[in-house]
Amino acid sequence: MSDLLAMQRAVWRARRSTTEKIVLLAILDHYSDSSPEPWPSVARLAEHCGLGRTAVLDALASLEGAGVLLVRRAAGGPNQYDLSRLIQALEPV
């Protein structure tokens, strides 16, 4: 099973809010083997998800706080999303 498919399945099974799941799936939509740390902008995620900027930022903060993803911030550039802990962080306890 590909990493992408495993991550998508983990998101669907996760006990996270619908908004968090949608934001994660939107980030995963930008994932590829050649780009394992996708970098869609917050504006792009909001547009892709049909959410407001604040809802996306709140979801990202919650997911980062829970250790689901790591956000690498660059001044003047888009965030990069490290998804290497996603599957383990979303596994049911």
N, C-alpha and C. Protein backbone atom coordinates (compact mmCIF):
# COMPACT_ATOMS: atom_id res chain seq x y z
N MET A 1 0.85 -1.18 0.00
CA MET A 1 0.00 0.00 0.00
C MET A 1 0.89 1.24 0.00
N SER A 2 0.55 2.20 -0.82
CA SER A 2 1.36 3.42 -0.90
C SER A 2 1.22 4.23 0.38
N ASP A 3 2.22 5.06 0.63
CA ASP A 3 2.16 5.95 1.80
C ASP A 3 0.93 6.84 1.73
N LEU A 4 0.63 7.36 0.55
CA LEU A 4 -0.51 8.25 0.39
C LEU A 4 -1.81 7.55 0.76
N LEU A 5 -2.01 6.36 0.24
CA LEU A 5 -3.24 5.62 0.54
C LEU A 5 -3.33 5.30 2.03
N ALA A 6 -2.23 4.91 2.65
CA ALA A 6 -2.22 4.63 4.08
C ALA A 6 -2.56 5.88 4.89
N MET A 7 -2.03 7.02 4.48
CA MET A 7 -2.33 8.27 5.19
C MET A 7 -3.79 8.66 5.01
N GLN A 8 -4.31 8.51 3.79
CA GLN A 8 -5.72 8.83 3.56
C GLN A 8 -6.63 7.95 4.42
N ARG A 9 -6.33 6.68 4.49
CA ARG A 9 -7.13 5.77 5.30
C ARG A 9 -7.05 6.14 6.78
N ALA A 10 -5.87 6.53 7.24
CA ALA A 10 -5.71 6.93 8.64
C ALA A 10 -6.55 8.17 8.94
N VAL A 11 -6.60 9.10 7.99
CA VAL A 11 -7.41 10.31 8.19
C VAL A 11 -8.88 9.95 8.30
N TRP A 12 -9.37 9.10 7.39
CA TRP A 12 -10.79 8.73 7.42
C TRP A 12 -11.17 8.03 8.72
N ARG A 13 -10.28 7.25 9.28
CA ARG A 13 -10.56 6.49 10.52
C ARG A 13 -10.35 7.32 11.79
N ALA A 14 -9.71 8.46 11.66
CA ALA A 14 -9.30 9.25 12.82
C ALA A 14 -10.49 9.82 13.59
N ARG A 15 -10.26 9.98 14.85
CA ARG A 15 -11.25 10.65 15.71
C ARG A 15 -10.85 12.13 15.82
N ARG A 16 -10.97 12.81 14.72
CA ARG A 16 -10.67 14.24 14.62
C ARG A 16 -11.92 14.92 14.07
N SER A 17 -11.98 16.22 14.19
CA SER A 17 -13.15 16.95 13.67
C SER A 17 -13.21 16.85 12.15
N THR A 18 -14.38 17.07 11.62
CA THR A 18 -14.57 17.05 10.18
C THR A 18 -13.67 18.08 9.51
N THR A 19 -13.58 19.26 10.09
CA THR A 19 -12.73 20.31 9.52
C THR A 19 -11.27 19.87 9.48
N GLU A 20 -10.79 19.26 10.54
CA GLU A 20 -9.41 18.79 10.57
C GLU A 20 -9.18 17.71 9.51
N LYS A 21 -10.14 16.81 9.36
CA LYS A 21 -10.01 15.77 8.34
C LYS A 21 -9.97 16.36 6.94
N ILE A 22 -10.83 17.33 6.67
CA ILE A 22 -10.86 17.94 5.35
C ILE A 22 -9.55 18.67 5.05
N VAL A 23 -9.02 19.37 6.04
CA VAL A 23 -7.75 20.09 5.86
C VAL A 23 -6.63 19.08 5.62
N LEU A 24 -6.59 18.00 6.40
CA LEU A 24 -5.56 16.97 6.17
C LEU A 24 -5.67 16.36 4.78
N LEU A 25 -6.87 16.06 4.35
CA LEU A 25 -7.06 15.48 3.02
C LEU A 25 -6.65 16.46 1.93
N ALA A 26 -6.89 17.75 2.14
CA ALA A 26 -6.46 18.76 1.17
C ALA A 26 -4.94 18.84 1.10
N ILE A 27 -4.28 18.75 2.25
CA ILE A 27 -2.81 18.73 2.26
C ILE A 27 -2.32 17.49 1.53
N LEU A 28 -2.95 16.34 1.82
CA LEU A 28 -2.55 15.10 1.16
C LEU A 28 -2.78 15.15 -0.35
N ASP A 29 -3.71 15.98 -0.78
CA ASP A 29 -3.96 16.14 -2.21
C ASP A 29 -2.76 16.76 -2.91
N HIS A 30 -1.87 17.38 -2.15
CA HIS A 30 -0.65 17.98 -2.69
C HIS A 30 0.59 17.12 -2.44
N TYR A 31 0.39 15.96 -1.85
CA TYR A 31 1.49 15.03 -1.52
C TYR A 31 1.88 14.21 -2.74
N SER A 32 3.15 13.91 -2.86
CA SER A 32 3.63 12.96 -3.86
C SER A 32 4.94 12.38 -3.37
N ASP A 33 5.36 11.28 -3.95
CA ASP A 33 6.64 10.68 -3.57
C ASP A 33 7.79 11.65 -3.80
N SER A 34 7.67 12.49 -4.84
CA SER A 34 8.73 13.46 -5.12
C SER A 34 8.59 14.71 -4.27
N SER A 35 7.44 14.87 -3.60
CA SER A 35 7.19 16.01 -2.74
C SER A 35 6.50 15.53 -1.45
N PRO A 36 7.24 14.82 -0.58
CA PRO A 36 6.62 14.25 0.61
C PRO A 36 6.30 15.28 1.70
N GLU A 37 6.74 16.51 1.53
CA GLU A 37 6.37 17.59 2.45
C GLU A 37 5.67 18.68 1.63
N PRO A 38 4.36 18.47 1.38
CA PRO A 38 3.63 19.42 0.54
C PRO A 38 3.60 20.82 1.14
N TRP A 39 3.39 21.81 0.30
CA TRP A 39 3.42 23.19 0.78
C TRP A 39 2.27 24.05 0.25
N PRO A 40 1.04 23.57 0.25
CA PRO A 40 -0.05 24.45 -0.19
C PRO A 40 -0.21 25.61 0.80
N SER A 41 -0.51 26.77 0.27
CA SER A 41 -0.71 27.93 1.13
C SER A 41 -2.01 27.78 1.92
N VAL A 42 -2.14 28.56 2.96
CA VAL A 42 -3.38 28.56 3.76
C VAL A 42 -4.53 29.00 2.87
N ALA A 43 -4.29 29.99 2.02
CA ALA A 43 -5.34 30.47 1.11
C ALA A 43 -5.78 29.34 0.17
N ARG A 44 -4.82 28.58 -0.34
CA ARG A 44 -5.14 27.46 -1.24
C ARG A 44 -5.93 26.39 -0.49
N LEU A 45 -5.51 26.08 0.74
CA LEU A 45 -6.25 25.08 1.53
C LEU A 45 -7.67 25.55 1.79
N ALA A 46 -7.83 26.82 2.14
CA ALA A 46 -9.17 27.36 2.42
C ALA A 46 -10.05 27.24 1.17
N GLU A 47 -9.50 27.61 0.03
CA GLU A 47 -10.25 27.53 -1.23
C GLU A 47 -10.58 26.07 -1.57
N HIS A 48 -9.61 25.20 -1.42
CA HIS A 48 -9.78 23.78 -1.75
C HIS A 48 -10.83 23.12 -0.86
N CYS A 49 -10.87 23.53 0.41
CA CYS A 49 -11.78 22.92 1.39
C CYS A 49 -13.14 23.61 1.46
N GLY A 50 -13.25 24.79 0.89
CA GLY A 50 -14.48 25.56 1.03
C GLY A 50 -14.64 26.10 2.44
N LEU A 51 -13.52 26.42 3.07
CA LEU A 51 -13.51 26.92 4.44
C LEU A 51 -12.91 28.32 4.47
N GLY A 52 -13.15 29.02 5.57
CA GLY A 52 -12.52 30.31 5.78
C GLY A 52 -11.09 30.13 6.25
N ARG A 53 -10.30 31.17 6.09
CA ARG A 53 -8.89 31.16 6.51
C ARG A 53 -8.75 30.81 7.99
N THR A 54 -9.61 31.40 8.83
CA THR A 54 -9.54 31.16 10.27
C THR A 54 -9.81 29.69 10.60
N ALA A 55 -10.76 29.07 9.92
CA ALA A 55 -11.07 27.66 10.17
C ALA A 55 -9.87 26.79 9.81
N VAL A 56 -9.20 27.11 8.70
CA VAL A 56 -8.01 26.35 8.29
C VAL A 56 -6.90 26.54 9.32
N LEU A 57 -6.65 27.78 9.72
CA LEU A 57 -5.60 28.06 10.71
C LEU A 57 -5.89 27.35 12.04
N ASP A 58 -7.15 27.36 12.47
CA ASP A 58 -7.52 26.67 13.71
C ASP A 58 -7.28 25.16 13.59
N ALA A 59 -7.65 24.59 12.45
CA ALA A 59 -7.45 23.15 12.23
C ALA A 59 -5.97 22.82 12.22
N LEU A 60 -5.17 23.63 11.54
CA LEU A 60 -3.73 23.39 11.49
C LEU A 60 -3.12 23.48 12.89
N ALA A 61 -3.54 24.46 13.67
CA ALA A 61 -3.01 24.61 15.03
C ALA A 61 -3.37 23.40 15.89
N SER A 62 -4.60 22.92 15.76
CA SER A 62 -5.04 21.75 16.52
C SER A 62 -4.27 20.51 16.10
N LEU A 63 -4.10 20.30 14.81
CA LEU A 63 -3.38 19.13 14.30
C LEU A 63 -1.90 19.18 14.69
N GLU A 64 -1.32 20.37 14.63
CA GLU A 64 0.07 20.51 15.03
C GLU A 64 0.23 20.28 16.53
N GLY A 65 -0.69 20.82 17.30
CA GLY A 65 -0.66 20.63 18.75
C GLY A 65 -0.80 19.18 19.16
N ALA A 66 -1.55 18.42 18.38
CA ALA A 66 -1.76 17.00 18.67
C ALA A 66 -0.64 16.12 18.11
N GLY A 67 0.31 16.73 17.41
CA GLY A 67 1.43 15.97 16.85
C GLY A 67 1.11 15.21 15.58
N VAL A 68 0.00 15.55 14.95
CA VAL A 68 -0.40 14.87 13.71
C VAL A 68 0.49 15.31 12.55
N LEU A 69 0.82 16.58 12.53
CA LEU A 69 1.71 17.10 11.51
C LEU A 69 2.63 18.14 12.12
N LEU A 70 3.71 18.39 11.46
CA LEU A 70 4.65 19.42 11.86
C LEU A 70 4.63 20.47 10.77
N VAL A 71 4.42 21.73 11.17
CA VAL A 71 4.38 22.82 10.20
C VAL A 71 5.72 23.53 10.22
N ARG A 72 6.38 23.54 9.08
CA ARG A 72 7.63 24.27 8.93
C ARG A 72 7.29 25.60 8.28
N ARG A 73 7.45 26.67 9.04
CA ARG A 73 7.09 27.99 8.56
C ARG A 73 8.31 28.70 7.99
N ALA A 74 8.11 29.37 6.86
CA ALA A 74 9.18 30.14 6.22
C ALA A 74 8.68 31.57 6.03
N ALA A 75 9.44 32.52 6.49
CA ALA A 75 9.05 33.92 6.36
C ALA A 75 8.87 34.27 4.88
N GLY A 76 7.70 34.77 4.54
CA GLY A 76 7.42 35.18 3.17
C GLY A 76 7.16 34.05 2.20
N GLY A 77 7.15 32.82 2.69
CA GLY A 77 6.90 31.68 1.81
C GLY A 77 5.81 30.79 2.37
N PRO A 78 5.42 29.79 1.60
CA PRO A 78 4.37 28.90 2.09
C PRO A 78 4.89 27.95 3.18
N ASN A 79 3.98 27.51 4.01
CA ASN A 79 4.31 26.50 5.01
C ASN A 79 4.63 25.18 4.32
N GLN A 80 5.49 24.38 4.95
CA GLN A 80 5.70 23.00 4.50
C GLN A 80 5.13 22.11 5.59
N TYR A 81 4.46 21.04 5.19
CA TYR A 81 3.79 20.16 6.13
C TYR A 81 4.50 18.81 6.17
N ASP A 82 5.11 18.52 7.31
CA ASP A 82 5.78 17.24 7.53
C ASP A 82 4.72 16.25 8.01
N LEU A 83 4.45 15.25 7.20
CA LEU A 83 3.40 14.27 7.47
C LEU A 83 3.96 12.94 7.98
N SER A 84 5.23 12.92 8.34
CA SER A 84 5.89 11.66 8.69
C SER A 84 5.30 10.99 9.93
N ARG A 85 4.62 11.76 10.79
CA ARG A 85 4.04 11.17 12.01
C ARG A 85 2.53 10.99 11.92
N LEU A 86 1.95 11.31 10.77
CA LEU A 86 0.50 11.33 10.62
C LEU A 86 -0.15 10.00 10.98
N ILE A 87 0.31 8.90 10.40
CA ILE A 87 -0.34 7.61 10.62
C ILE A 87 -0.26 7.21 12.10
N GLN A 88 0.91 7.32 12.70
CA GLN A 88 1.07 6.93 14.11
C GLN A 88 0.23 7.83 15.01
N ALA A 89 0.18 9.12 14.70
CA ALA A 89 -0.57 10.06 15.54
C ALA A 89 -2.07 9.86 15.46
N LEU A 90 -2.55 9.32 14.35
CA LEU A 90 -3.98 9.13 14.17
C LEU A 90 -4.48 7.74 14.54
N GLU A 91 -3.55 6.82 14.85
CA GLU A 91 -3.98 5.47 15.23
C GLU A 91 -4.81 5.53 16.50
N PRO A 92 -5.90 4.76 16.54
CA PRO A 92 -6.70 4.73 17.76
C PRO A 92 -5.90 4.18 18.94
N VAL A 93 -6.18 4.71 20.09
CA VAL A 93 -5.46 4.29 21.31
C VAL A 93 -6.06 3.02 21.86
